[in-house]
Each structure stands twice: as C-alpha cells, then as structure tokens.
C-alpha cells in the first residue's frame, strides 16, 4: 500500500510540475505565411538537443492537424557551452532554439521527457 501511495504522489507531483513549467514558456511564434511558422525559444544552458516541450505545444496550437519540420537548429553569436559548470563560472550560455515548421495533415512523433526509446 505504501509503494502505491508513493508512486501516485510522484505521478501527481510530476504532472503539477509539467503544468507549472508549461506556463513559463519563452517561446515566440512568427508567421511566415498561412502554413509556415518560425518558432523560437531562448535558453541559458548548454545545448542538449533540438526538442522542446513548449515548442511542440506552440506548434500544435498553430498547426492543430499536424506539421513537418523544415528546420530545427540552435544558434548564438559565440561558442556554445559544453558543460553546465561553464555557465556557473561566468560563460555566456544563452542560445536560441529555432524551428521552422509547415502545417500538414500528418501524425506527430511521440514526445517523452525521458528521450527517444
């Protein structure tokens, strides 16, 4: 019984954290045309990949029937940080994660906070 309660409380905490963090998005949307959009999100940490929960959420808002990626990139005017300790020691770790998407009628890949399996 104790493990069931602990697992349930852990799941509830994870759900509350996901909802709370999803409201803090810095994602920006720029419409190129009726079907194409630039999505940008700003970070201050080493690049860990080109996926983003908040960009996916924004993409689903502008393209409810689905979308395809035209571009997924990360950019900044200087060298990227490779480790978190570089950010703590004063290196500029800010960068922009940018997606260019085009609305299309297709199913989207599953997203997991644990990465692809």
N, C-alpha and C. Protein backbone atom coordinates (compact mmCIF):
# COMPACT_ATOMS: atom_id res chain seq x y z
N UNK A 1 0.82 -1.19 0.00
CA UNK A 1 0.00 0.00 0.00
C UNK A 1 0.87 1.26 0.00
N UNK A 2 1.96 1.22 0.76
CA UNK A 2 2.85 2.37 0.88
C UNK A 2 3.47 2.72 -0.48
N UNK A 3 3.89 1.69 -1.25
CA UNK A 3 4.51 1.95 -2.55
C UNK A 3 3.50 2.51 -3.55
N UNK A 4 2.26 2.07 -3.46
CA UNK A 4 1.21 2.59 -4.35
C UNK A 4 1.00 4.07 -4.08
N UNK A 5 0.94 4.45 -2.80
CA UNK A 5 0.75 5.85 -2.42
C UNK A 5 1.95 6.68 -2.89
N UNK A 6 3.17 6.15 -2.72
CA UNK A 6 4.37 6.87 -3.13
C UNK A 6 4.40 7.05 -4.65
N UNK A 7 4.05 6.02 -5.40
CA UNK A 7 4.04 6.12 -6.86
C UNK A 7 2.98 7.12 -7.31
N UNK A 8 1.81 7.09 -6.69
CA UNK A 8 0.73 8.01 -7.04
C UNK A 8 1.12 9.45 -6.73
N UNK A 9 1.72 9.68 -5.57
CA UNK A 9 2.12 11.05 -5.22
C UNK A 9 3.23 11.54 -6.14
N UNK A 10 4.13 10.66 -6.55
CA UNK A 10 5.18 11.03 -7.50
C UNK A 10 4.60 11.42 -8.85
N UNK A 11 3.61 10.67 -9.32
CA UNK A 11 2.96 10.97 -10.59
C UNK A 11 2.23 12.31 -10.53
N UNK A 12 1.58 12.57 -9.41
CA UNK A 12 0.86 13.84 -9.23
C UNK A 12 1.86 15.00 -9.22
N UNK A 13 2.97 14.85 -8.51
CA UNK A 13 3.99 15.90 -8.47
C UNK A 13 4.56 16.18 -9.85
N UNK A 14 4.84 15.13 -10.62
CA UNK A 14 5.38 15.30 -11.97
C UNK A 14 4.37 16.03 -12.86
N UNK A 15 3.09 15.69 -12.73
CA UNK A 15 2.06 16.36 -13.51
C UNK A 15 1.93 17.83 -13.16
N UNK A 16 1.97 18.15 -11.88
CA UNK A 16 1.88 19.54 -11.42
C UNK A 16 3.09 20.33 -11.93
N UNK A 17 4.28 19.74 -11.86
CA UNK A 17 5.50 20.42 -12.34
C UNK A 17 5.41 20.68 -13.84
N UNK A 18 4.91 19.72 -14.60
CA UNK A 18 4.80 19.90 -16.05
C UNK A 18 3.83 21.02 -16.39
N UNK A 19 2.72 21.08 -15.69
CA UNK A 19 1.73 22.14 -15.94
C UNK A 19 2.30 23.49 -15.53
N UNK A 20 2.97 23.55 -14.40
CA UNK A 20 3.54 24.81 -13.93
C UNK A 20 4.61 25.32 -14.88
N UNK A 21 5.49 24.45 -15.34
CA UNK A 21 6.56 24.86 -16.24
C UNK A 21 6.05 25.22 -17.62
N UNK A 22 4.97 24.60 -18.06
CA UNK A 22 4.47 24.89 -19.40
C UNK A 22 3.92 26.31 -19.49
N UNK A 23 3.55 26.90 -18.38
CA UNK A 23 3.07 28.27 -18.39
C UNK A 23 4.18 29.30 -18.42
N UNK A 24 5.44 28.87 -18.26
CA UNK A 24 6.58 29.77 -18.18
C UNK A 24 7.37 29.80 -19.48
N UNK A 25 6.78 29.43 -20.55
CA UNK A 25 7.50 29.33 -21.81
C UNK A 25 7.92 30.69 -22.34
N UNK A 26 9.12 30.72 -22.93
CA UNK A 26 9.59 31.92 -23.60
C UNK A 26 9.50 31.74 -25.11
N UNK A 27 8.68 30.80 -25.55
CA UNK A 27 8.55 30.52 -26.97
C UNK A 27 7.87 31.68 -27.69
N UNK A 28 8.41 32.00 -28.87
CA UNK A 28 7.84 33.05 -29.70
C UNK A 28 7.47 32.47 -31.05
N UNK A 29 6.39 32.98 -31.62
CA UNK A 29 5.91 32.49 -32.92
C UNK A 29 5.92 33.63 -33.91
N UNK A 30 6.47 33.37 -35.10
CA UNK A 30 6.43 34.35 -36.19
C UNK A 30 5.85 33.66 -37.41
N UNK A 31 4.76 34.20 -37.92
CA UNK A 31 4.09 33.62 -39.09
C UNK A 31 4.82 34.08 -40.35
N UNK A 32 5.26 33.11 -41.17
CA UNK A 32 5.89 33.41 -42.44
C UNK A 32 4.82 33.53 -43.51
N UNK A 33 3.92 32.54 -43.55
CA UNK A 33 2.72 32.58 -44.38
C UNK A 33 1.66 31.76 -43.68
N UNK A 34 0.52 31.49 -44.35
CA UNK A 34 -0.59 30.80 -43.68
C UNK A 34 -0.21 29.40 -43.19
N UNK A 35 0.78 28.77 -43.79
CA UNK A 35 1.13 27.39 -43.48
C UNK A 35 2.51 27.24 -42.81
N UNK A 36 3.32 28.29 -42.80
CA UNK A 36 4.70 28.20 -42.34
C UNK A 36 4.95 29.14 -41.17
N UNK A 37 5.66 28.64 -40.14
CA UNK A 37 5.91 29.42 -38.94
C UNK A 37 7.34 29.22 -38.45
N UNK A 38 7.93 30.30 -37.89
CA UNK A 38 9.17 30.23 -37.15
C UNK A 38 8.82 30.20 -35.68
N UNK A 39 9.34 29.24 -34.96
CA UNK A 39 9.15 29.15 -33.52
C UNK A 39 10.53 29.28 -32.87
N UNK A 40 10.63 30.11 -31.85
CA UNK A 40 11.92 30.35 -31.19
C UNK A 40 11.73 30.29 -29.69
N UNK A 41 12.68 29.65 -29.03
CA UNK A 41 12.69 29.60 -27.56
C UNK A 41 14.11 29.89 -27.10
N UNK A 42 14.24 30.68 -26.04
CA UNK A 42 15.55 31.08 -25.54
C UNK A 42 15.92 30.31 -24.29
N UNK A 43 17.18 29.90 -24.22
CA UNK A 43 17.71 29.13 -23.10
C UNK A 43 18.99 29.77 -22.58
N UNK A 44 19.38 29.41 -21.37
CA UNK A 44 20.66 29.82 -20.81
C UNK A 44 21.28 28.60 -20.15
N UNK A 45 21.74 27.68 -20.98
CA UNK A 45 22.34 26.42 -20.54
C UNK A 45 23.01 25.78 -21.75
N UNK A 46 23.81 24.75 -21.55
CA UNK A 46 24.40 24.07 -22.71
C UNK A 46 23.30 23.42 -23.57
N UNK A 47 23.52 23.36 -24.87
CA UNK A 47 22.55 22.74 -25.78
C UNK A 47 22.50 21.25 -25.49
N UNK A 48 21.28 20.73 -25.32
CA UNK A 48 21.13 19.30 -25.05
C UNK A 48 20.39 18.59 -26.17
N UNK A 49 19.91 19.33 -27.15
CA UNK A 49 19.18 18.73 -28.26
C UNK A 49 18.30 19.76 -28.94
N UNK A 50 17.54 19.31 -29.91
CA UNK A 50 16.70 20.23 -30.68
C UNK A 50 15.21 20.03 -30.40
N UNK A 51 14.89 19.28 -29.35
CA UNK A 51 13.50 19.06 -29.00
C UNK A 51 13.10 19.99 -27.87
N UNK A 52 11.82 20.36 -27.82
CA UNK A 52 11.33 21.25 -26.79
C UNK A 52 9.84 21.01 -26.58
N UNK A 53 9.47 20.80 -25.33
CA UNK A 53 8.06 20.60 -24.99
C UNK A 53 7.25 21.84 -25.33
N UNK A 54 7.73 23.02 -24.97
CA UNK A 54 6.95 24.23 -25.23
C UNK A 54 6.87 24.56 -26.72
N UNK A 55 7.91 24.27 -27.49
CA UNK A 55 7.82 24.49 -28.94
C UNK A 55 6.83 23.51 -29.57
N UNK A 56 6.80 22.28 -29.08
CA UNK A 56 5.81 21.32 -29.58
C UNK A 56 4.39 21.81 -29.27
N UNK A 57 4.20 22.34 -28.07
CA UNK A 57 2.89 22.84 -27.67
C UNK A 57 2.48 24.01 -28.56
N UNK A 58 3.41 24.92 -28.82
CA UNK A 58 3.12 26.06 -29.70
C UNK A 58 2.85 25.60 -31.13
N UNK A 59 3.61 24.61 -31.60
CA UNK A 59 3.42 24.09 -32.96
C UNK A 59 2.04 23.47 -33.10
N UNK A 60 1.59 22.75 -32.07
CA UNK A 60 0.25 22.16 -32.11
C UNK A 60 -0.84 23.22 -32.10
N UNK A 61 -0.56 24.35 -31.45
CA UNK A 61 -1.53 25.45 -31.44
C UNK A 61 -1.70 26.05 -32.83
N UNK A 62 -0.59 26.30 -33.52
CA UNK A 62 -0.68 26.94 -34.84
C UNK A 62 -1.00 25.95 -35.96
N UNK A 63 -0.70 24.66 -35.73
CA UNK A 63 -0.97 23.61 -36.73
C UNK A 63 -1.68 22.43 -36.05
N UNK A 64 -2.96 22.56 -35.74
CA UNK A 64 -3.65 21.52 -34.97
C UNK A 64 -3.76 20.18 -35.68
N UNK A 65 -3.70 20.15 -37.02
CA UNK A 65 -3.81 18.87 -37.73
C UNK A 65 -2.46 18.21 -37.95
N UNK A 66 -1.38 18.87 -37.56
CA UNK A 66 -0.04 18.31 -37.70
C UNK A 66 0.89 19.26 -38.41
N UNK A 67 2.18 18.94 -38.39
CA UNK A 67 3.19 19.78 -39.02
C UNK A 67 4.41 18.93 -39.34
N UNK A 68 5.23 19.48 -40.23
CA UNK A 68 6.50 18.84 -40.52
C UNK A 68 7.60 19.87 -40.30
N UNK A 69 8.76 19.38 -39.90
CA UNK A 69 9.89 20.26 -39.65
C UNK A 69 10.57 20.62 -40.97
N UNK A 70 10.79 21.91 -41.17
CA UNK A 70 11.61 22.37 -42.28
C UNK A 70 13.03 22.63 -41.78
N UNK A 71 13.15 23.01 -40.49
CA UNK A 71 14.44 23.33 -39.90
C UNK A 71 14.34 23.24 -38.38
N UNK A 72 15.34 22.65 -37.76
CA UNK A 72 15.48 22.68 -36.30
C UNK A 72 16.94 22.96 -36.03
N UNK A 73 17.21 24.09 -35.37
CA UNK A 73 18.59 24.50 -35.14
C UNK A 73 18.71 25.27 -33.84
N UNK A 74 19.93 25.39 -33.36
CA UNK A 74 20.24 26.22 -32.19
C UNK A 74 21.30 27.22 -32.63
N UNK A 75 21.12 28.47 -32.21
CA UNK A 75 22.07 29.49 -32.66
C UNK A 75 22.44 30.49 -31.59
N UNK A 76 23.64 31.00 -31.73
CA UNK A 76 24.14 32.09 -30.88
C UNK A 76 25.36 32.68 -31.55
N UNK A 77 25.72 33.92 -31.24
CA UNK A 77 26.83 34.57 -31.93
C UNK A 77 28.22 34.10 -31.47
N UNK A 78 28.30 33.35 -30.38
CA UNK A 78 29.60 32.89 -29.89
C UNK A 78 29.58 31.37 -29.71
N UNK A 79 30.66 30.84 -29.17
CA UNK A 79 30.80 29.39 -28.98
C UNK A 79 29.80 28.86 -27.94
N UNK A 80 29.24 27.69 -28.20
CA UNK A 80 28.30 27.06 -27.27
C UNK A 80 29.04 26.50 -26.06
N UNK A 81 28.39 26.56 -24.90
CA UNK A 81 28.91 25.89 -23.71
C UNK A 81 28.71 24.39 -23.89
N UNK A 82 29.63 23.62 -23.34
CA UNK A 82 29.54 22.16 -23.46
C UNK A 82 29.10 21.51 -22.15
N UNK A 83 29.39 22.14 -21.03
CA UNK A 83 29.08 21.60 -19.72
C UNK A 83 28.40 22.67 -18.85
N UNK A 84 27.57 22.24 -17.91
CA UNK A 84 26.86 23.18 -17.03
C UNK A 84 27.81 24.00 -16.17
N UNK A 85 28.95 23.44 -15.76
CA UNK A 85 29.87 24.19 -14.91
C UNK A 85 30.40 25.43 -15.61
N UNK A 86 30.43 25.44 -16.96
CA UNK A 86 30.88 26.62 -17.69
C UNK A 86 29.91 27.79 -17.47
N UNK A 87 28.64 27.49 -17.37
CA UNK A 87 27.63 28.53 -17.15
C UNK A 87 27.77 29.13 -15.75
N UNK A 88 28.08 28.29 -14.79
CA UNK A 88 28.23 28.75 -13.41
C UNK A 88 29.48 29.61 -13.28
N UNK A 89 30.52 29.28 -14.05
CA UNK A 89 31.77 30.03 -13.95
C UNK A 89 31.77 31.33 -14.76
N UNK A 90 30.63 31.73 -15.32
CA UNK A 90 30.52 33.03 -15.95
C UNK A 90 30.45 33.04 -17.47
N UNK A 91 30.55 31.90 -18.13
CA UNK A 91 30.45 31.87 -19.58
C UNK A 91 29.01 32.18 -20.02
N UNK A 92 28.86 32.89 -21.12
CA UNK A 92 27.52 33.18 -21.65
C UNK A 92 26.96 31.90 -22.26
N UNK A 93 25.93 31.35 -21.65
CA UNK A 93 25.35 30.09 -22.09
C UNK A 93 24.01 30.29 -22.81
N UNK A 94 23.65 31.53 -23.10
CA UNK A 94 22.38 31.78 -23.76
C UNK A 94 22.43 31.38 -25.22
N UNK A 95 21.32 30.84 -25.71
CA UNK A 95 21.17 30.49 -27.12
C UNK A 95 19.70 30.45 -27.47
N UNK A 96 19.42 30.43 -28.77
CA UNK A 96 18.04 30.36 -29.25
C UNK A 96 17.84 29.03 -29.97
N UNK A 97 16.82 28.30 -29.56
CA UNK A 97 16.40 27.09 -30.26
C UNK A 97 15.34 27.52 -31.27
N UNK A 98 15.56 27.23 -32.55
CA UNK A 98 14.67 27.71 -33.60
C UNK A 98 14.13 26.55 -34.42
N UNK A 99 12.84 26.58 -34.65
CA UNK A 99 12.17 25.62 -35.53
C UNK A 99 11.49 26.39 -36.64
N UNK A 100 11.54 25.86 -37.83
CA UNK A 100 10.69 26.34 -38.91
C UNK A 100 9.81 25.16 -39.27
N UNK A 101 8.49 25.34 -39.16
CA UNK A 101 7.56 24.25 -39.41
C UNK A 101 6.57 24.65 -40.50
N UNK A 102 6.02 23.63 -41.13
CA UNK A 102 4.97 23.84 -42.13
C UNK A 102 3.80 22.95 -41.75
N UNK A 103 2.62 23.54 -41.68
CA UNK A 103 1.43 22.78 -41.31
C UNK A 103 1.15 21.73 -42.39
N UNK A 104 0.83 20.53 -41.94
CA UNK A 104 0.46 19.44 -42.86
C UNK A 104 -0.39 18.45 -42.08
N UNK A 105 -1.14 17.66 -42.80
CA UNK A 105 -2.02 16.68 -42.17
C UNK A 105 -1.25 15.39 -41.97
N UNK A 106 -0.51 15.30 -40.86
CA UNK A 106 0.26 14.10 -40.57
C UNK A 106 0.38 13.92 -39.06
N UNK A 107 0.47 12.68 -38.61
CA UNK A 107 0.61 12.43 -37.17
C UNK A 107 2.00 12.87 -36.70
N UNK A 108 2.06 13.32 -35.47
CA UNK A 108 3.33 13.76 -34.91
C UNK A 108 3.99 12.65 -34.10
N UNK A 109 5.33 12.72 -34.03
CA UNK A 109 6.07 11.75 -33.23
C UNK A 109 5.76 11.96 -31.76
N UNK A 110 5.84 10.92 -30.99
CA UNK A 110 5.59 10.98 -29.56
C UNK A 110 6.72 11.72 -28.87
N UNK A 111 6.38 12.48 -27.83
CA UNK A 111 7.38 13.20 -27.05
C UNK A 111 7.46 12.57 -25.68
N UNK A 112 8.67 12.40 -25.16
CA UNK A 112 8.87 11.87 -23.84
C UNK A 112 9.93 12.69 -23.13
N UNK A 113 9.71 12.99 -21.86
CA UNK A 113 10.73 13.71 -21.11
C UNK A 113 11.95 12.84 -20.85
N UNK A 114 11.83 11.54 -21.14
CA UNK A 114 12.94 10.62 -20.95
C UNK A 114 13.71 10.37 -22.24
N UNK A 115 13.38 11.06 -23.32
CA UNK A 115 14.08 10.91 -24.60
C UNK A 115 13.44 9.83 -25.45
N UNK A 116 14.04 9.60 -26.60
CA UNK A 116 13.51 8.61 -27.52
C UNK A 116 13.90 7.22 -27.05
N UNK A 117 12.98 6.27 -27.24
CA UNK A 117 13.28 4.90 -26.81
C UNK A 117 13.37 3.98 -27.99
